[in-house]
Every structure is written in C-alpha cells, then in structure tokens.
Amino acid sequence: MPHPLPVVEPLAPVLPSLTPEPLRLLTRHADLQYHAIPARGIFNAPSATHMGFWSINPYVGCAFGCAYCYARDTHRYTLERAGRVGADIAARMPPWLAFERRILVKEHADARVREALRSSRAPRAGESLVIGSATDPYQPAERHFRVTASVLQALVDADVRGWSIVIITKSPLVTRDIVLLQQLARHNTVGVHISLITVDRELARQLEPRAPTPEARLRGVRRLAEGGIDVSVNCMPVLPGITDEPAMLQALVARIAESGARSFGACALRLRAASRRRYLPMIRAQFPALAARYESTYRESVYATETYRAGLHQYMGALARKNGLVLREYRRASGYDVTGASDAIRGGASEERKEDQKDEFDKPDEQLTFL
C-alpha cells in the first residue's frame, strides 16, 4: 500500500489575488442598484482635477438622471477598477447609463476625511472645498446611507477653520443638515448652491426625470436662507432652444429673488462625449426641430458658440440687476465659481446704472438666438 505524500509547509505565504474585490450590492430599488465601494482618497486635490478647488464626491453616479449631466464619464473610470461586478455592470449597460442606474456608495468616507485632515491631503485655511462637483451629494441614496452627513460631521468634529465650503445639489434634503452647516459657518465661509434650470414643472420632469420639483428646490432655498446659510442658485446649464426663452429666464430669476437667494450663476450647456450619448437622443426624440442645430453647434466643440455665450452672459447680467441679485462669474478654466459674487455684475448697481440698462433689457436680445 503506497504511503501518503507528506504534507509540506509552504515556504512563503500565498500572495493575495491581484483581482479587485467585486462591488458589494447594498440594496436595489426598481431599476436602480446601490453598490459599496471603499472610500480611498476622499479629498480630490486641485492638482489632480485641474480645478481651482478641492472636492469631495460622496457617491459615484447620480439617480436624478438629468439628461445633460456632464459627469457621466466618472463611472467608466470607477468600473474599470471594480473587478467582476464592475465588468458585469459594464457588460449590461454603457457607463453613461450606469451613471444613473448603478450608484456607488463610498463607505467609511468620514474615517477617510479624518485621516486626510491629519495629513497634508486636505485643504488648508484659505482654500476652497466643493462637495458635489461630480455627483449630487443629496440624491435619494443620501436619505438612507448618510455619507454626506457623515463627511460634514467629520469636518465639524475636526473644527476646520478658514475654508470656503460650497455644496452643490438639486435636493431640498440638504436642509436636513442645516445645523451642521451652521456649525461649519462659525469659522468658515459656507454656501449651498441649489441647481435649478427652469420653473416649468413639466419641462423639468422631461429633462431631470428623478430630480425634485422646482417648487421643492425653491422651498429648500428659502429654508436655507431663513437658517442663515448663504444660498445661491445654479441656472446651469442653460439649454439652447429649450430653457433660454427670455420669458422663461425672467420667470426663473424672479423666483430665485423671491426665494431669498442672494445670487445665481448661469452658463450655457457643455456637451462632452459621455453626455452626448444621453442628451442628443433625447433631443431627437423630444425636441426634433432642434436636432440638426445641436449636431452642428456641438460637432467640433463641447461649448455653445462664443456669440451665444456672450449674449447669454449679457442677458443674465441684466436680469440680475433688475432683480437685485448678484450674478456669479462662471470661469471656463475651472468650470465653477466658488467665491460667489462677480465684481462686474452686481444687483446693488446704482439707479442711474439700472436706467442705463433699461433699453438693453427691454429689447429682444438677438444674441440669444441658438445658431
């Protein structure tokens, strides 16, 4: 009878697999799935993003499903590092669609914030932080997972000082954390920018199918203002031929003023590659008369024409003056104005200046024509 082979102890520990762990499914709702990903470097440095500010994105992807969203490319980079489940998601749907159907939840983000604050991988006094530059930090997932709230709590606990902190969201859920915002505002400049491109409820539902209604967002603006939080509105992007009618823009800015906001920002649609795959089919299906003009205008550039952008800036400046608001400057280099007010266009203009602008404001602005 042959002897059994002797057991030989390994000379070295077995190396771990180099294949990334699959993404853990947290929950699902209708056609949405929520997967966990580890929060690694939670602060994105300006040197890495080429923006003029630090940023934190508590989630990857956004369930609001806005047709024009510029951040859809973020899913592609994450899924490439996500192992088997990432490959499964990519096989079932393109990244631009996974962006709104497969939301990635950053686990232990608050712990990563605390670690970064103990090192040099975080903003310093005098620097700016944007929360929600490539996702909505108060999308439906936040109601359950509270990643954004945990990040804010970590900043409060660390007693950060001298920062300029801006939160960008479409959701009035941000008012849930108003006490945390007030605590941060004691030693920092804190602002919330609510995104709103139209007050037409039905049009908003076409363009932003899962986002809160315009009325809900404006109520959120008022609650923030009443709570002493500096609140602004992002009329971004202005969609050529769709949300840029003078009467529509006038109604939008008037409602912003009524809500208690002190400023707003506006810029024309930027249409990057991933966004085109979602936006242009929507245009062909729902706004077919505009399809050829969109194809022509955005064929060679992600931007609307220089003439259109200049005309829009002039017109929104006039609306700001009329309604006593500040028009925040949109900086093409960084893509966002963190600082707030533009020195060039302020609602506090003199009566003489307002009178000078009257004829310009009242006449039809031909530069807004979408070419």
Protein backbone atom coordinates (compact mmCIF):
# COMPACT_ATOMS: atom_id res chain seq x y z
CA MET A 1 0.00 0.00 0.00
CA PRO A 2 1.60 3.29 -1.03
CA HIS A 3 2.42 5.76 1.70
CA PRO A 4 0.54 9.08 1.61
CA LEU A 5 2.53 12.01 0.41
CA PRO A 6 3.96 14.07 3.24
CA VAL A 7 2.44 17.44 3.98
CA VAL A 8 4.92 20.16 3.07
CA GLU A 9 4.61 23.54 4.75
CA PRO A 10 4.72 26.44 2.27
CA LEU A 11 7.98 28.37 2.27
CA ALA A 12 6.17 31.70 1.96
CA PRO A 13 2.65 32.97 2.45
CA VAL A 14 0.42 32.74 -0.58
CA LEU A 15 0.22 36.06 -2.35
CA PRO A 16 -3.23 37.65 -2.39
CA SER A 17 -5.08 37.76 -5.67
CA LEU A 18 -4.43 40.86 -7.72
CA THR A 19 -8.04 40.81 -8.96
CA PRO A 20 -10.04 43.59 -7.27
CA GLU A 21 -12.85 42.54 -4.96
CA PRO A 22 -16.29 42.73 -6.57
CA LEU A 23 -18.57 45.58 -5.58
CA ARG A 24 -20.94 44.59 -2.80
CA LEU A 25 -24.61 45.14 -3.59
CA LEU A 26 -26.19 47.17 -0.78
CA THR A 27 -29.77 47.43 -1.99
CA ARG A 28 -31.88 47.88 -5.08
CA HIS A 29 -34.98 49.86 -5.95
CA ALA A 30 -36.84 49.46 -9.26
CA ASP A 31 -34.15 49.81 -11.94
CA LEU A 32 -31.58 51.27 -9.51
CA GLN A 33 -28.87 49.35 -7.70
CA TYR A 34 -26.59 50.66 -4.96
CA HIS A 35 -23.11 49.14 -4.60
CA ALA A 36 -20.49 49.78 -1.93
CA ILE A 37 -17.02 50.98 -2.82
CA PRO A 38 -14.25 51.80 -0.36
CA ALA A 39 -13.58 55.49 0.06
CA ARG A 40 -9.86 55.84 -0.54
CA GLY A 41 -8.52 59.37 -1.02
CA ILE A 42 -11.72 61.25 -0.19
CA PHE A 43 -10.37 64.73 -0.98
CA ASN A 44 -9.67 65.39 -4.66
CA ALA A 45 -6.82 67.88 -4.90
CA PRO A 46 -6.82 70.77 -7.39
CA SER A 47 -3.64 69.37 -8.91
CA ALA A 48 -5.45 66.12 -9.76
CA THR A 49 -8.68 67.59 -11.11
CA HIS A 50 -7.21 70.73 -12.70
CA MET A 51 -9.93 72.75 -10.99
CA GLY A 52 -9.29 75.70 -8.75
CA PHE A 53 -10.60 73.94 -5.64
CA TRP A 54 -10.60 70.75 -3.59
CA SER A 55 -13.62 68.47 -3.97
CA ILE A 56 -15.44 65.60 -2.30
CA ASN A 57 -17.95 63.38 -4.09
CA PRO A 58 -19.68 61.09 -1.56
CA TYR A 59 -21.17 58.95 -4.35
CA VAL A 60 -20.22 57.92 -7.88
CA GLY A 61 -23.18 58.37 -10.18
CA CYS A 62 -26.48 60.12 -9.60
CA ALA A 63 -30.02 58.74 -9.64
CA PHE A 64 -31.59 62.04 -10.70
CA GLY A 65 -30.84 61.11 -14.31
CA CYS A 66 -30.51 64.63 -15.73
CA ALA A 67 -30.18 64.32 -19.50
CA TYR A 68 -27.48 66.99 -19.74
CA CYS A 69 -25.22 65.89 -16.87
CA TYR A 70 -21.53 66.47 -17.60
CA ALA A 71 -20.24 63.96 -15.02
CA ARG A 72 -21.23 60.70 -16.72
CA ASP A 73 -17.63 59.79 -17.57
CA THR A 74 -16.84 59.24 -13.89
CA HIS A 75 -18.46 55.80 -13.95
CA ARG A 76 -16.15 54.50 -16.63
CA TYR A 77 -13.03 55.11 -14.55
CA THR A 78 -14.54 53.56 -11.44
CA LEU A 79 -15.94 50.46 -13.15
CA GLU A 80 -12.56 49.74 -14.72
CA ARG A 81 -11.20 49.25 -11.19
CA ALA A 82 -14.22 47.44 -9.79
CA GLY A 83 -13.45 43.80 -10.52
CA ARG A 84 -16.03 41.26 -11.64
CA VAL A 85 -19.13 43.24 -10.71
CA GLY A 86 -17.73 46.29 -12.44
CA ALA A 87 -17.27 44.20 -15.56
CA ASP A 88 -20.80 42.82 -15.18
CA ILE A 89 -22.25 46.32 -14.98
CA ALA A 90 -20.23 47.48 -17.98
CA ALA A 91 -21.40 44.44 -19.96
CA ARG A 92 -25.06 45.16 -19.22
CA MET A 93 -25.09 48.88 -19.94
CA PRO A 94 -22.71 51.62 -21.11
CA PRO A 95 -21.05 53.74 -18.40
CA TRP A 96 -23.09 56.84 -19.29
CA LEU A 97 -26.27 54.88 -18.44
CA ALA A 98 -24.78 53.09 -15.44
CA PHE A 99 -24.11 56.58 -14.05
CA GLU A 100 -27.82 56.95 -13.24
CA ARG A 101 -28.73 53.27 -12.68
CA ARG A 102 -25.82 51.86 -10.64
CA ILE A 103 -24.96 54.23 -7.81
CA LEU A 104 -21.67 53.61 -5.99
CA VAL A 105 -21.71 54.46 -2.28
CA LYS A 106 -18.39 55.43 -0.69
CA GLU A 107 -18.10 53.55 2.59
CA HIS A 108 -16.26 54.94 5.62
CA ALA A 109 -15.91 58.34 3.96
CA ASP A 110 -15.92 60.08 7.35
CA ALA A 111 -12.95 57.99 8.52
CA ARG A 112 -11.06 58.90 5.35
CA VAL A 113 -11.81 62.59 6.00
CA ARG A 114 -10.36 62.34 9.50
CA GLU A 115 -7.26 60.56 8.22
CA ALA A 116 -6.71 63.14 5.49
CA LEU A 117 -7.08 66.02 7.94
CA ARG A 118 -4.24 64.57 10.00
CA SER A 119 -2.02 64.64 6.91
CA SER A 120 -1.39 67.13 4.14
CA ARG A 121 -4.01 65.58 1.83
CA ALA A 122 -6.73 68.08 2.67
CA PRO A 123 -7.48 71.78 2.18
CA ARG A 124 -5.79 74.37 4.33
CA ALA A 125 -7.06 77.69 5.61
CA GLY A 126 -7.80 79.98 2.69
CA GLU A 127 -8.56 77.14 0.27
CA SER A 128 -11.89 76.05 -1.20
CA LEU A 129 -13.81 72.78 -1.00
CA VAL A 130 -16.74 71.83 -3.24
CA ILE A 131 -18.93 68.92 -2.13
CA GLY A 132 -20.78 67.51 -5.13
CA SER A 133 -18.71 68.54 -8.14
CA ALA A 134 -19.40 65.26 -10.00
CA THR A 135 -22.42 63.80 -8.19
CA ASP A 136 -25.37 65.08 -6.20
CA PRO A 137 -24.47 64.67 -2.51
CA TYR A 138 -28.17 64.76 -1.54
CA GLN A 139 -29.57 62.37 -4.14
CA PRO A 140 -32.03 59.72 -2.84
CA ALA A 141 -29.19 57.46 -1.63
CA GLU A 142 -28.22 60.07 0.97
CA ARG A 143 -31.53 59.71 2.79
CA HIS A 144 -30.56 56.13 3.64
CA PHE A 145 -26.75 56.00 3.62
CA ARG A 146 -25.98 59.50 5.03
CA VAL A 147 -22.48 59.62 3.56
CA THR A 148 -22.61 63.40 3.03
CA ALA A 149 -23.87 63.98 6.56
CA SER A 150 -21.01 61.88 7.94
CA VAL A 151 -18.49 63.94 5.96
CA LEU A 152 -19.93 67.20 7.30
CA GLN A 153 -19.90 65.81 10.84
CA ALA A 154 -16.23 64.84 10.45
CA LEU A 155 -15.40 68.40 9.35
CA VAL A 156 -17.31 69.82 12.33
CA ASP A 157 -15.60 67.44 14.75
CA ALA A 158 -12.19 68.41 13.34
CA ASP A 159 -13.02 72.09 13.84
CA VAL A 160 -11.72 73.07 10.41
CA ARG A 161 -11.24 76.83 10.03
CA GLY A 162 -10.73 79.35 7.27
CA TRP A 163 -12.13 77.20 4.45
CA SER A 164 -14.55 78.21 1.73
CA ILE A 165 -17.06 75.33 1.53
CA VAL A 166 -19.73 75.03 -1.17
CA ILE A 167 -22.30 72.25 -1.51
CA ILE A 168 -23.94 71.76 -4.92
CA THR A 169 -27.27 69.92 -5.03
CA LYS A 170 -30.72 69.79 -6.58
CA SER A 171 -32.30 68.42 -3.43
CA PRO A 172 -34.01 70.15 -0.50
CA LEU A 173 -32.74 67.23 1.59
CA VAL A 174 -29.72 69.45 2.26
CA THR A 175 -31.90 71.32 4.78
CA ARG A 176 -31.80 68.21 6.99
CA ASP A 177 -28.17 69.09 7.76
CA ILE A 178 -28.71 72.78 8.39
CA VAL A 179 -27.37 72.54 11.96
CA LEU A 180 -24.10 71.04 10.68
CA LEU A 181 -23.86 73.80 8.08
CA GLN A 182 -24.43 76.44 10.75
CA GLN A 183 -21.70 74.91 12.90
CA LEU A 184 -19.26 74.92 9.98
CA ALA A 185 -20.18 78.51 9.16
CA ARG A 186 -18.90 79.74 12.53
CA HIS A 187 -15.29 79.57 11.35
CA ASN A 188 -15.62 79.05 7.59
CA THR A 189 -17.37 80.57 4.59
CA VAL A 190 -20.20 78.14 3.84
CA GLY A 191 -22.63 78.26 0.94
CA VAL A 192 -25.17 75.98 -0.70
CA HIS A 193 -25.79 76.20 -4.44
CA ILE A 194 -29.16 74.75 -5.46
CA SER A 195 -29.28 73.80 -9.15
CA LEU A 196 -32.44 74.89 -11.00
CA ILE A 197 -32.68 75.44 -14.75
CA THR A 198 -36.41 76.10 -15.12
CA VAL A 199 -39.52 76.73 -13.04
CA ASP A 200 -41.64 74.87 -15.61
CA ARG A 201 -42.51 71.68 -13.74
CA GLU A 202 -43.34 69.56 -16.79
CA LEU A 203 -40.23 70.64 -18.68
CA ALA A 204 -38.09 69.91 -15.62
CA ARG A 205 -39.57 66.41 -15.46
CA GLN A 206 -38.61 65.83 -19.10
CA LEU A 207 -35.03 66.94 -18.57
CA GLU A 208 -34.43 65.77 -14.99
CA PRO A 209 -36.72 62.76 -14.58
CA ARG A 210 -35.96 61.85 -10.96
CA ALA A 211 -34.94 65.23 -9.55
CA PRO A 212 -37.07 67.16 -7.02
CA THR A 213 -39.61 69.57 -8.48
CA PRO A 214 -38.68 73.23 -8.99
CA GLU A 215 -41.10 74.19 -6.19
CA ALA A 216 -39.41 71.80 -3.74
CA ARG A 217 -36.00 73.22 -4.58
CA LEU A 218 -37.17 76.80 -4.11
CA ARG A 219 -38.64 75.86 -0.73
CA GLY A 220 -35.23 74.46 0.15
CA VAL A 221 -33.61 77.75 -0.88
CA ARG A 222 -35.94 79.65 1.44
CA ARG A 223 -35.34 77.33 4.40
CA LEU A 224 -31.58 77.66 3.99
CA ALA A 225 -31.80 81.44 3.73
CA GLU A 226 -34.01 81.62 6.81
CA GLY A 227 -31.45 79.46 8.63
CA GLY A 228 -28.72 82.00 7.93
CA ILE A 229 -26.95 79.92 5.27
CA ASP A 230 -25.59 81.77 2.24
CA VAL A 231 -27.58 80.21 -0.59
CA SER A 232 -27.23 80.68 -4.32
CA VAL A 233 -28.91 79.09 -7.35
CA ASN A 234 -27.18 77.44 -10.29
CA CYS A 235 -29.11 78.13 -13.51
CA MET A 236 -26.77 75.66 -15.11
CA PRO A 237 -26.79 74.66 -17.80
CA VAL A 238 -28.95 76.94 -19.88
CA LEU A 239 -30.13 74.67 -22.69
CA PRO A 240 -30.09 76.41 -26.09
CA GLY A 241 -33.51 76.48 -27.69
CA ILE A 242 -35.17 74.86 -24.64
CA THR A 243 -34.70 76.87 -21.43
CA ASP A 244 -33.34 80.12 -22.89
CA GLU A 245 -36.54 81.89 -23.93
CA PRO A 246 -36.48 85.41 -22.41
CA ALA A 247 -39.84 84.94 -20.65
CA MET A 248 -38.63 81.65 -19.17
CA LEU A 249 -35.37 83.15 -17.91
CA GLN A 250 -37.18 86.17 -16.50
CA ALA A 251 -39.57 83.92 -14.57
CA LEU A 252 -36.69 81.81 -13.27
CA VAL A 253 -34.64 84.73 -11.96
CA ALA A 254 -37.70 86.39 -10.43
CA ARG A 255 -38.49 83.22 -8.47
CA ILE A 256 -34.88 82.99 -7.34
CA ALA A 257 -35.10 86.51 -5.92
CA GLU A 258 -38.41 85.74 -4.20
CA SER A 259 -36.96 82.62 -2.57
CA GLY A 260 -34.37 84.54 -0.58
CA ALA A 261 -31.24 83.65 -2.54
CA ARG A 262 -28.75 86.47 -2.93
CA SER A 263 -27.03 85.32 -6.10
CA PHE A 264 -27.16 82.93 -9.03
CA GLY A 265 -24.85 81.57 -11.68
CA ALA A 266 -25.54 80.75 -15.31
CA CYS A 267 -23.69 79.19 -18.21
CA ALA A 268 -24.65 77.52 -21.47
CA LEU A 269 -24.68 73.77 -21.99
CA ARG A 270 -21.35 71.96 -22.26
CA LEU A 271 -21.75 68.69 -24.12
CA ARG A 272 -18.93 66.22 -23.51
CA ALA A 273 -18.69 62.81 -25.17
CA ALA A 274 -20.46 60.78 -22.47
CA SER A 275 -23.18 63.42 -22.14
CA ARG A 276 -23.83 63.44 -25.89
CA ARG A 277 -24.82 59.76 -25.79
CA ARG A 278 -27.65 60.56 -23.39
CA TYR A 279 -28.56 64.11 -24.41
CA LEU A 280 -28.67 64.02 -28.21
CA PRO A 281 -31.05 61.02 -28.45
CA MET A 282 -33.35 62.87 -26.05
CA ILE A 283 -33.22 65.94 -28.31
CA ARG A 284 -34.04 63.86 -31.38
CA ALA A 285 -36.97 62.21 -29.62
CA GLN A 286 -38.47 65.13 -27.71
CA PHE A 287 -37.22 68.27 -29.50
CA PRO A 288 -36.70 67.07 -33.10
CA ALA A 289 -36.77 70.60 -34.54
CA LEU A 290 -33.56 71.35 -32.61
CA ALA A 291 -31.66 68.18 -33.52
CA ALA A 292 -29.82 69.49 -36.58
CA ARG A 293 -28.77 72.69 -34.81
CA TYR A 294 -27.41 70.77 -31.84
CA GLU A 295 -25.48 68.39 -34.08
CA SER A 296 -23.98 71.34 -35.96
CA THR A 297 -23.17 73.53 -32.96
CA TYR A 298 -21.61 70.81 -30.80
CA ARG A 299 -19.91 68.82 -33.55
CA GLU A 300 -16.48 70.40 -33.09
CA SER A 301 -16.70 71.74 -29.55
CA VAL A 302 -18.20 70.93 -26.17
CA TYR A 303 -19.26 74.58 -25.87
CA ALA A 304 -22.00 76.67 -27.45
CA THR A 305 -20.79 79.40 -29.79
CA GLU A 306 -18.90 82.38 -28.42
CA THR A 307 -21.66 84.68 -29.65
CA TYR A 308 -24.32 82.70 -27.82
CA ARG A 309 -22.35 82.59 -24.57
CA ALA A 310 -21.63 86.32 -24.68
CA GLY A 311 -25.28 87.13 -25.34
CA LEU A 312 -26.42 84.86 -22.51
CA HIS A 313 -23.98 86.44 -20.07
CA GLN A 314 -25.15 89.92 -21.00
CA TYR A 315 -28.81 88.99 -20.68
CA MET A 316 -28.43 87.23 -17.32
CA GLY A 317 -26.48 90.20 -16.02
CA ALA A 318 -29.40 92.45 -16.91
CA LEU A 319 -31.79 90.10 -15.14
CA ALA A 320 -29.57 90.11 -12.06
CA ARG A 321 -29.61 93.90 -11.92
CA LYS A 322 -33.37 94.06 -12.40
CA ASN A 323 -33.99 91.61 -9.55
CA GLY A 324 -31.38 92.92 -7.11
CA LEU A 325 -29.23 89.80 -7.30
CA VAL A 326 -25.55 89.03 -7.80
CA LEU A 327 -24.57 87.11 -10.93
CA ARG A 328 -21.73 84.76 -10.01
CA GLU A 329 -18.98 84.60 -12.58
CA TYR A 330 -18.57 81.32 -14.43
CA ARG A 331 -14.88 80.62 -15.01
CA ARG A 332 -14.24 78.46 -18.04
CA ALA A 333 -10.81 77.40 -16.79
CA SER A 334 -12.03 75.85 -13.54
CA GLY A 335 -15.62 75.27 -14.60
CA TYR A 336 -17.10 76.72 -11.42
CA ASP A 337 -17.16 79.88 -9.34
CA VAL A 338 -16.57 79.00 -5.70
CA THR A 339 -16.03 82.54 -4.49
CA GLY A 340 -19.55 83.79 -5.09
CA ALA A 341 -20.08 87.22 -6.49
CA SER A 342 -18.74 88.68 -9.68
CA ASP A 343 -17.32 92.14 -9.13
CA ALA A 344 -18.51 93.11 -12.59
CA ILE A 345 -22.21 92.29 -12.26
CA ARG A 346 -23.98 93.08 -9.01
CA GLY A 347 -27.55 93.62 -8.01
CA GLY A 348 -26.54 96.63 -5.96
CA ALA A 349 -25.97 98.80 -9.01
CA SER A 350 -26.94 102.45 -8.78
CA GLU A 351 -30.32 103.66 -10.05
CA GLU A 352 -28.51 105.51 -12.82
CA ARG A 353 -26.83 102.30 -13.90
CA LYS A 354 -30.18 100.46 -13.87
CA GLU A 355 -31.70 103.20 -16.01
CA ASP A 356 -28.78 102.94 -18.43
CA GLN A 357 -29.57 99.25 -18.85
CA LYS A 358 -33.32 99.68 -19.34
CA ASP A 359 -33.34 99.85 -23.14
CA GLU A 360 -30.89 96.97 -23.43
CA PHE A 361 -33.03 94.82 -21.13
CA ASP A 362 -36.37 95.58 -22.75
CA LYS A 363 -35.41 94.94 -26.35
CA PRO A 364 -35.27 91.37 -27.72
CA ASP A 365 -31.71 90.07 -27.40
CA GLU A 366 -30.83 88.65 -30.79
CA GLN A 367 -27.56 87.25 -29.43
CA LEU A 368 -29.56 84.57 -27.61
CA THR A 369 -30.52 83.03 -30.94
CA PHE A 370 -29.28 79.44 -31.00
CA LEU A 371 -27.10 79.05 -34.09
